[in-house]
N, C-alpha and C. Protein backbone atom coordinates (compact mmCIF):
# COMPACT_ATOMS: atom_id res chain seq x y z
N UNK A 1 79.61 93.53 103.55
CA UNK A 1 80.67 93.93 104.44
C UNK A 1 80.32 95.41 104.73
N UNK A 2 80.65 95.69 106.06
CA UNK A 2 80.33 97.15 106.69
C UNK A 2 81.52 98.09 105.86
N UNK A 3 81.11 99.17 105.63
CA UNK A 3 82.21 100.05 105.12
C UNK A 3 82.61 101.01 106.35
N UNK A 4 82.09 100.72 107.51
CA UNK A 4 82.44 101.27 108.89
C UNK A 4 83.48 100.82 109.61
N UNK A 5 84.27 99.79 109.28
CA UNK A 5 85.42 99.23 109.81
C UNK A 5 86.66 99.02 108.94
N UNK A 6 87.80 99.41 109.58
CA UNK A 6 89.00 99.02 109.05
C UNK A 6 89.99 98.50 110.11
N UNK A 7 91.10 97.91 109.47
CA UNK A 7 92.08 97.37 110.27
C UNK A 7 93.37 98.23 110.12
N UNK A 8 94.17 98.29 111.24
CA UNK A 8 95.50 98.90 111.21
C UNK A 8 96.60 98.33 112.11
N UNK A 9 97.61 98.41 111.90
CA UNK A 9 98.86 97.96 112.54
C UNK A 9 99.82 99.05 112.61
N UNK A 10 100.22 99.32 113.88
CA UNK A 10 101.40 100.32 114.12
C UNK A 10 102.47 99.19 113.95
N UNK A 11 103.43 99.40 113.06
CA UNK A 11 104.54 98.63 112.56
C UNK A 11 105.68 98.74 113.56
N UNK A 12 106.68 97.81 113.54
CA UNK A 12 107.70 97.61 114.51
C UNK A 12 108.59 98.87 114.64
N UNK A 13 108.74 99.52 113.21
CA UNK A 13 109.55 100.73 113.25
C UNK A 13 108.91 101.83 114.01
N UNK A 14 107.75 102.02 113.77
CA UNK A 14 107.01 103.23 114.60
C UNK A 14 107.08 102.84 116.05
N UNK A 15 106.67 101.57 116.46
CA UNK A 15 106.70 101.37 117.97
C UNK A 15 108.02 101.52 118.55
N UNK A 16 109.00 100.99 118.00
CA UNK A 16 110.38 101.21 118.42
C UNK A 16 111.17 102.68 118.52
N UNK A 17 110.44 103.49 117.63
CA UNK A 17 110.82 104.85 117.62
C UNK A 17 109.95 105.79 118.59
N UNK A 18 109.03 105.10 119.30
CA UNK A 18 108.18 105.91 120.26
C UNK A 18 106.82 106.62 119.62
N UNK A 19 106.59 106.24 118.49
CA UNK A 19 105.57 106.92 118.00
C UNK A 19 104.00 106.51 118.27
N UNK A 20 104.03 105.31 118.84
CA UNK A 20 102.45 104.69 119.17
C UNK A 20 101.62 105.64 119.58
N UNK A 21 101.88 106.42 120.73
CA UNK A 21 100.95 107.40 121.17
C UNK A 21 100.44 108.25 120.20
N UNK A 22 101.50 108.92 119.47
CA UNK A 22 101.23 110.08 118.63
C UNK A 22 100.28 109.47 117.51
N UNK A 23 100.64 108.30 117.01
CA UNK A 23 99.85 107.61 115.82
C UNK A 23 98.43 107.43 116.18
N UNK A 24 98.34 106.88 117.57
CA UNK A 24 96.79 106.69 117.86
C UNK A 24 96.24 107.94 118.13
N UNK A 25 96.86 109.02 118.72
CA UNK A 25 96.28 110.30 118.80
C UNK A 25 95.64 110.83 117.51
N UNK A 26 96.68 110.63 116.48
CA UNK A 26 96.29 111.15 115.02
C UNK A 26 95.06 110.39 114.37
N UNK A 27 94.83 109.09 114.81
CA UNK A 27 93.84 108.29 114.50
C UNK A 27 92.44 108.86 115.06
N UNK A 28 92.61 109.00 116.29
CA UNK A 28 91.41 109.46 117.09
C UNK A 28 91.00 110.90 116.53
N UNK A 29 91.97 111.76 116.51
CA UNK A 29 91.76 112.99 115.90
C UNK A 29 91.19 113.00 114.29
N UNK A 30 91.42 112.00 113.83
CA UNK A 30 90.73 111.95 112.33
C UNK A 30 89.36 111.29 112.45
N UNK A 31 88.76 111.16 113.67
CA UNK A 31 87.34 110.73 113.84
C UNK A 31 87.08 109.49 113.92
N UNK A 32 88.28 108.51 113.94
CA UNK A 32 88.11 107.06 114.28
C UNK A 32 87.81 106.61 115.66
N UNK A 33 87.01 105.72 115.94
CA UNK A 33 86.83 105.12 117.28
C UNK A 33 87.55 103.74 117.32
N UNK A 34 88.25 103.67 118.24
CA UNK A 34 88.99 102.37 118.34
C UNK A 34 88.08 101.39 119.01
N UNK A 35 87.80 100.17 118.30
CA UNK A 35 86.96 99.15 118.90
C UNK A 35 87.59 98.10 119.45
N UNK A 36 88.88 97.87 119.24
CA UNK A 36 89.74 96.77 119.59
C UNK A 36 91.17 97.17 119.44
N UNK A 37 92.01 96.86 120.32
CA UNK A 37 93.61 97.04 120.24
C UNK A 37 94.35 96.28 121.13
N UNK A 38 95.65 95.82 120.40
CA UNK A 38 96.34 95.07 121.30
C UNK A 38 97.84 95.22 120.88
N UNK A 39 98.72 95.18 121.73
CA UNK A 39 100.05 95.24 121.65
C UNK A 39 100.56 93.96 121.81
N UNK A 40 101.57 93.61 120.68
CA UNK A 40 101.84 92.05 120.61
C UNK A 40 103.30 92.03 119.76
N UNK A 41 104.04 90.84 119.75
CA UNK A 41 105.11 90.89 119.01
C UNK A 41 104.76 89.46 118.13
N UNK A 42 104.68 89.66 116.75
CA UNK A 42 104.33 88.50 115.91
C UNK A 42 105.49 87.67 115.65
N UNK A 43 105.18 86.47 115.68
CA UNK A 43 106.32 85.44 115.24
C UNK A 43 106.29 85.47 113.86
N UNK A 44 107.46 84.96 113.36
CA UNK A 44 107.61 84.87 111.81
C UNK A 44 106.49 84.00 111.22
N UNK A 45 106.05 82.99 111.87
CA UNK A 45 104.92 82.22 111.31
C UNK A 45 103.64 83.08 111.22
N UNK A 46 103.26 83.89 112.23
CA UNK A 46 102.25 84.58 112.25
C UNK A 46 102.30 85.85 111.36
N UNK A 47 103.41 86.28 111.01
CA UNK A 47 103.45 87.53 110.10
C UNK A 47 103.41 87.09 108.76
N UNK A 48 104.00 85.70 108.58
CA UNK A 48 103.86 84.83 107.17
C UNK A 48 102.37 84.72 106.79
N UNK A 49 101.66 84.36 108.08
CA UNK A 49 100.15 83.90 107.79
C UNK A 49 99.57 85.17 107.34
N UNK A 50 99.70 86.36 108.13
CA UNK A 50 99.10 87.55 107.69
C UNK A 50 99.35 88.12 106.31
N UNK A 51 100.53 88.09 106.07
CA UNK A 51 101.12 88.56 104.59
C UNK A 51 101.11 87.58 103.62
N UNK A 52 100.34 86.36 103.66
CA UNK A 52 100.37 85.29 102.73
C UNK A 52 99.95 85.68 101.56
N UNK A 53 99.02 86.57 101.34
CA UNK A 53 98.64 87.23 100.05
C UNK A 53 99.83 87.48 99.08
N UNK A 54 100.92 87.89 99.90
CA UNK A 54 102.06 88.37 99.03
C UNK A 54 103.25 87.33 99.09
N UNK A 55 102.90 86.17 99.30
CA UNK A 55 104.06 85.07 99.39
C UNK A 55 104.77 84.73 98.09
N UNK A 56 104.09 85.17 97.13
CA UNK A 56 104.89 85.04 95.83
C UNK A 56 105.70 86.39 95.27
N UNK A 57 105.52 87.38 96.06
CA UNK A 57 106.09 88.62 95.79
C UNK A 57 107.67 88.57 96.36
N UNK A 58 108.72 89.29 95.43
CA UNK A 58 109.97 89.31 95.91
C UNK A 58 110.30 89.83 97.22
N UNK A 59 109.41 90.72 97.82
CA UNK A 59 109.66 91.26 98.98
C UNK A 59 109.10 90.64 100.42
N UNK A 60 108.44 89.62 99.89
CA UNK A 60 107.81 88.77 101.12
C UNK A 60 108.52 88.39 102.23
N UNK A 61 109.73 87.74 101.87
CA UNK A 61 110.70 87.31 103.21
C UNK A 61 111.07 88.40 103.93
N UNK A 62 111.44 89.48 103.39
CA UNK A 62 111.86 90.70 104.03
C UNK A 62 110.82 91.40 104.89
N UNK A 63 109.62 91.24 104.27
CA UNK A 63 108.48 91.94 105.12
C UNK A 63 108.06 91.06 106.27
N UNK A 64 108.10 89.79 106.03
CA UNK A 64 107.99 88.81 107.29
C UNK A 64 108.91 89.11 108.18
N UNK A 65 110.15 89.12 107.83
CA UNK A 65 111.28 89.34 108.90
C UNK A 65 111.03 90.55 109.62
N UNK A 66 110.91 91.71 108.91
CA UNK A 66 110.51 93.07 109.38
C UNK A 66 109.37 93.04 110.36
N UNK A 67 108.23 92.52 110.04
CA UNK A 67 106.99 92.43 110.83
C UNK A 67 107.19 91.64 112.15
N UNK A 68 108.25 90.76 112.11
CA UNK A 68 108.32 90.05 113.56
C UNK A 68 109.62 90.23 114.02
N UNK A 69 110.04 91.66 113.70
CA UNK A 69 111.45 92.20 114.32
C UNK A 69 111.21 92.91 115.48
N UNK A 70 109.90 93.15 115.98
CA UNK A 70 109.48 93.97 117.32
C UNK A 70 108.13 93.86 117.32
N UNK A 71 107.77 94.57 118.63
CA UNK A 71 106.28 94.59 118.77
C UNK A 71 105.56 95.64 117.78
N UNK A 72 104.28 95.08 117.59
CA UNK A 72 103.25 95.96 116.88
C UNK A 72 102.09 96.29 117.55
N UNK A 73 101.29 97.11 117.09
CA UNK A 73 99.85 97.60 117.84
C UNK A 73 98.85 97.23 116.73
N UNK A 74 97.99 96.25 116.81
CA UNK A 74 97.00 95.93 116.01
C UNK A 74 95.70 96.68 116.54
N UNK A 75 94.80 97.39 115.59
CA UNK A 75 93.55 97.77 115.90
C UNK A 75 92.65 97.66 115.04
N UNK A 76 91.26 97.73 115.44
CA UNK A 76 90.07 97.76 114.54
C UNK A 76 89.47 99.12 114.76
N UNK A 77 89.30 99.90 113.71
CA UNK A 77 88.98 101.11 113.74
C UNK A 77 87.53 101.49 113.30
N UNK A 78 86.66 102.27 113.59
CA UNK A 78 85.34 102.44 113.11
C UNK A 78 85.09 103.90 112.83
N UNK A 79 84.58 103.97 111.53
CA UNK A 79 84.12 105.56 111.16
C UNK A 79 83.37 105.09 109.78
N UNK A 80 82.50 106.09 109.42
CA UNK A 80 81.92 106.01 108.18
C UNK A 80 82.92 105.95 107.01
N UNK A 81 83.03 105.21 106.04
CA UNK A 81 83.87 105.06 105.00
C UNK A 81 85.20 104.75 105.51
N UNK A 82 85.42 103.94 106.57
CA UNK A 82 86.47 103.77 107.32
C UNK A 82 87.84 103.55 106.30
N UNK A 83 87.58 102.34 105.44
CA UNK A 83 88.67 102.09 104.60
C UNK A 83 89.21 103.12 103.86
N UNK A 84 88.40 103.67 103.00
CA UNK A 84 88.97 104.60 102.03
C UNK A 84 89.36 105.93 102.81
N UNK A 85 88.80 106.37 103.86
CA UNK A 85 89.18 107.60 104.74
C UNK A 85 90.66 107.13 105.32
N UNK A 86 90.80 106.11 105.73
CA UNK A 86 91.94 105.68 106.53
C UNK A 86 93.27 105.67 105.52
N UNK A 87 92.79 105.40 104.42
CA UNK A 87 94.13 105.34 103.15
C UNK A 87 94.57 106.73 103.10
N UNK A 88 93.68 107.71 103.18
CA UNK A 88 94.05 109.16 103.20
C UNK A 88 95.02 109.55 104.29
N UNK A 89 94.45 109.22 105.43
CA UNK A 89 94.88 109.51 106.70
C UNK A 89 96.32 109.09 106.75
N UNK A 90 96.61 107.91 106.23
CA UNK A 90 97.90 107.17 106.44
C UNK A 90 98.99 107.75 105.39
N UNK A 91 98.39 108.11 104.35
CA UNK A 91 99.14 108.58 103.38
C UNK A 91 99.91 107.48 102.19
N UNK A 92 100.68 107.83 101.27
CA UNK A 92 101.17 106.90 100.32
C UNK A 92 102.31 106.04 100.88
N UNK A 93 102.43 104.79 100.47
CA UNK A 93 103.39 103.82 100.97
C UNK A 93 104.90 104.28 101.07
N UNK A 94 105.23 105.19 100.08
CA UNK A 94 106.43 105.79 99.98
C UNK A 94 106.33 107.05 100.91
N UNK A 95 106.86 107.20 102.07
CA UNK A 95 106.78 108.41 102.87
C UNK A 95 107.11 109.72 102.18
N UNK A 96 108.13 109.54 101.19
CA UNK A 96 108.64 110.76 100.35
C UNK A 96 107.39 111.14 99.36
N UNK A 97 106.52 110.49 98.96
CA UNK A 97 105.39 110.79 98.33
C UNK A 97 104.10 111.05 99.10
N UNK A 98 104.04 110.75 100.51
CA UNK A 98 102.81 111.03 101.19
C UNK A 98 102.57 112.45 101.42
N UNK A 99 101.34 112.71 101.42
CA UNK A 99 100.84 114.20 101.65
C UNK A 99 101.32 114.87 103.01
N UNK A 100 101.37 115.90 103.05
CA UNK A 100 102.00 116.73 104.36
C UNK A 100 100.82 116.22 105.38
N UNK A 101 101.35 115.93 106.73
CA UNK A 101 100.35 115.71 107.71
C UNK A 101 99.86 114.36 107.75
N UNK A 102 100.10 113.42 106.81
CA UNK A 102 99.69 112.01 106.92
C UNK A 102 100.49 111.33 108.01
N UNK A 103 100.04 110.22 108.31
CA UNK A 103 100.81 109.48 109.38
C UNK A 103 102.11 108.89 108.75
N UNK A 104 102.19 108.64 107.58
CA UNK A 104 103.54 108.10 107.02
C UNK A 104 104.58 109.27 106.51
N UNK A 105 103.84 110.35 106.25
CA UNK A 105 104.68 111.55 106.05
C UNK A 105 105.35 111.96 107.36
N UNK A 106 104.83 111.88 108.50
CA UNK A 106 105.17 112.13 109.83
C UNK A 106 106.12 111.30 110.42
N UNK A 107 105.76 109.98 110.24
CA UNK A 107 106.43 109.07 111.16
C UNK A 107 107.10 107.87 110.52
N UNK A 108 107.15 107.76 109.27
CA UNK A 108 107.70 106.58 108.50
C UNK A 108 109.11 107.00 107.93
N UNK A 109 110.09 106.07 107.93
CA UNK A 109 111.35 106.15 107.59
C UNK A 109 111.57 106.00 106.17
N UNK A 110 110.87 104.99 105.46
CA UNK A 110 111.08 104.28 104.18
C UNK A 110 109.90 103.50 103.65
N UNK A 111 109.93 103.15 102.37
CA UNK A 111 108.68 102.30 102.03
C UNK A 111 108.75 101.07 102.79
N UNK A 112 109.61 100.59 102.98
CA UNK A 112 109.74 99.32 104.01
C UNK A 112 109.25 99.48 105.42
N UNK A 113 109.74 100.40 106.04
CA UNK A 113 109.69 101.04 107.30
C UNK A 113 108.49 102.06 107.35
N UNK A 114 107.21 101.89 106.92
CA UNK A 114 106.38 103.02 106.63
C UNK A 114 105.12 103.04 107.59
N UNK A 115 105.65 102.72 108.99
CA UNK A 115 105.09 103.19 110.24
C UNK A 115 103.62 102.43 110.39
N UNK A 116 102.78 102.21 109.37
CA UNK A 116 101.40 101.72 109.54
C UNK A 116 100.91 100.86 108.49
N UNK A 117 100.28 99.72 108.83
CA UNK A 117 99.37 99.08 107.76
C UNK A 117 98.06 99.59 107.68
N UNK A 118 97.40 99.68 106.65
CA UNK A 118 95.99 100.05 106.62
C UNK A 118 95.26 98.90 105.54
N UNK A 119 94.04 98.61 105.93
CA UNK A 119 93.29 97.65 104.98
C UNK A 119 93.14 98.41 103.73
N UNK A 120 93.22 97.71 102.61
CA UNK A 120 92.87 98.22 101.30
C UNK A 120 91.49 98.00 100.74
N UNK A 121 90.71 97.22 101.41
CA UNK A 121 89.29 96.98 101.04
C UNK A 121 88.44 96.64 102.35
N UNK A 122 87.09 96.82 102.17
CA UNK A 122 86.19 96.33 103.19
C UNK A 122 86.48 94.84 103.48
N UNK A 123 86.50 93.97 102.47
CA UNK A 123 86.64 92.63 102.68
C UNK A 123 88.09 92.23 103.38
N UNK A 124 89.08 93.01 102.96
CA UNK A 124 90.17 92.64 103.80
C UNK A 124 90.27 93.23 105.16
N UNK A 125 89.62 94.32 105.40
CA UNK A 125 89.50 94.89 106.71
C UNK A 125 88.78 93.90 107.66
N UNK A 126 87.70 93.09 107.13
CA UNK A 126 87.21 91.93 108.08
C UNK A 126 88.17 90.94 108.24
N UNK A 127 88.81 90.42 107.14
CA UNK A 127 89.76 89.37 107.23
C UNK A 127 90.77 89.68 108.32
N UNK A 128 91.42 90.87 108.00
CA UNK A 128 92.51 91.22 108.86
C UNK A 128 92.14 91.40 110.33
N UNK A 129 91.19 91.94 110.56
CA UNK A 129 90.40 92.24 111.97
C UNK A 129 90.26 90.98 112.54
N UNK A 130 89.92 90.06 111.90
CA UNK A 130 89.52 88.61 112.62
C UNK A 130 90.70 87.87 112.63
N UNK A 131 91.77 88.04 111.79
CA UNK A 131 93.25 87.58 112.29
C UNK A 131 93.46 87.92 113.67
N UNK A 132 93.34 89.03 113.98
CA UNK A 132 93.91 89.44 115.37
C UNK A 132 92.81 89.37 116.52
N UNK A 133 91.51 89.43 116.11
CA UNK A 133 90.37 89.71 117.13
C UNK A 133 89.24 88.66 116.69
N UNK A 134 89.74 87.34 116.66
CA UNK A 134 88.79 86.40 116.20
C UNK A 134 87.52 86.29 117.10
N UNK A 135 87.59 86.72 118.39
CA UNK A 135 86.30 86.65 119.26
C UNK A 135 85.69 87.94 119.46
N UNK A 136 86.11 89.02 118.54
CA UNK A 136 85.45 90.20 118.62
C UNK A 136 84.35 90.33 117.79
N UNK A 137 83.01 90.26 118.46
CA UNK A 137 81.83 89.96 117.73
C UNK A 137 81.26 90.95 116.62
N UNK A 138 81.73 91.96 116.77
CA UNK A 138 81.29 93.10 115.84
C UNK A 138 81.37 92.98 114.43
N UNK A 139 82.27 91.96 113.97
CA UNK A 139 82.74 91.68 112.67
C UNK A 139 81.63 90.65 111.86
């Protein structure tokens, strides 16, 4: 696996609040190159498939409902140490605990509506990127 690729989604809360451009700008200013990006509205089935790893967790149904509640922006990002660095750029899941200047501290409302998704490993970055961009040959 390459450590130069990560995957992100700008979640429905951030899209509906008009933060898409600011978040993309934040990502670019953090040194990331956007290799692929699309705007779409996930169905409940697609959201369920994407988050299937959490299907046994108590928050799964709420997560699927939330992620299919409005449009998202999916993107594949490139930078050295992409996954690890992006976890720092986005901040803690709980925006109240996120460091100042991170995407979640700036644009998230709550743990549930936390503005962005970021891959947690190189392996998941490849899997998640392929979920949305299966014909993108760089993976």
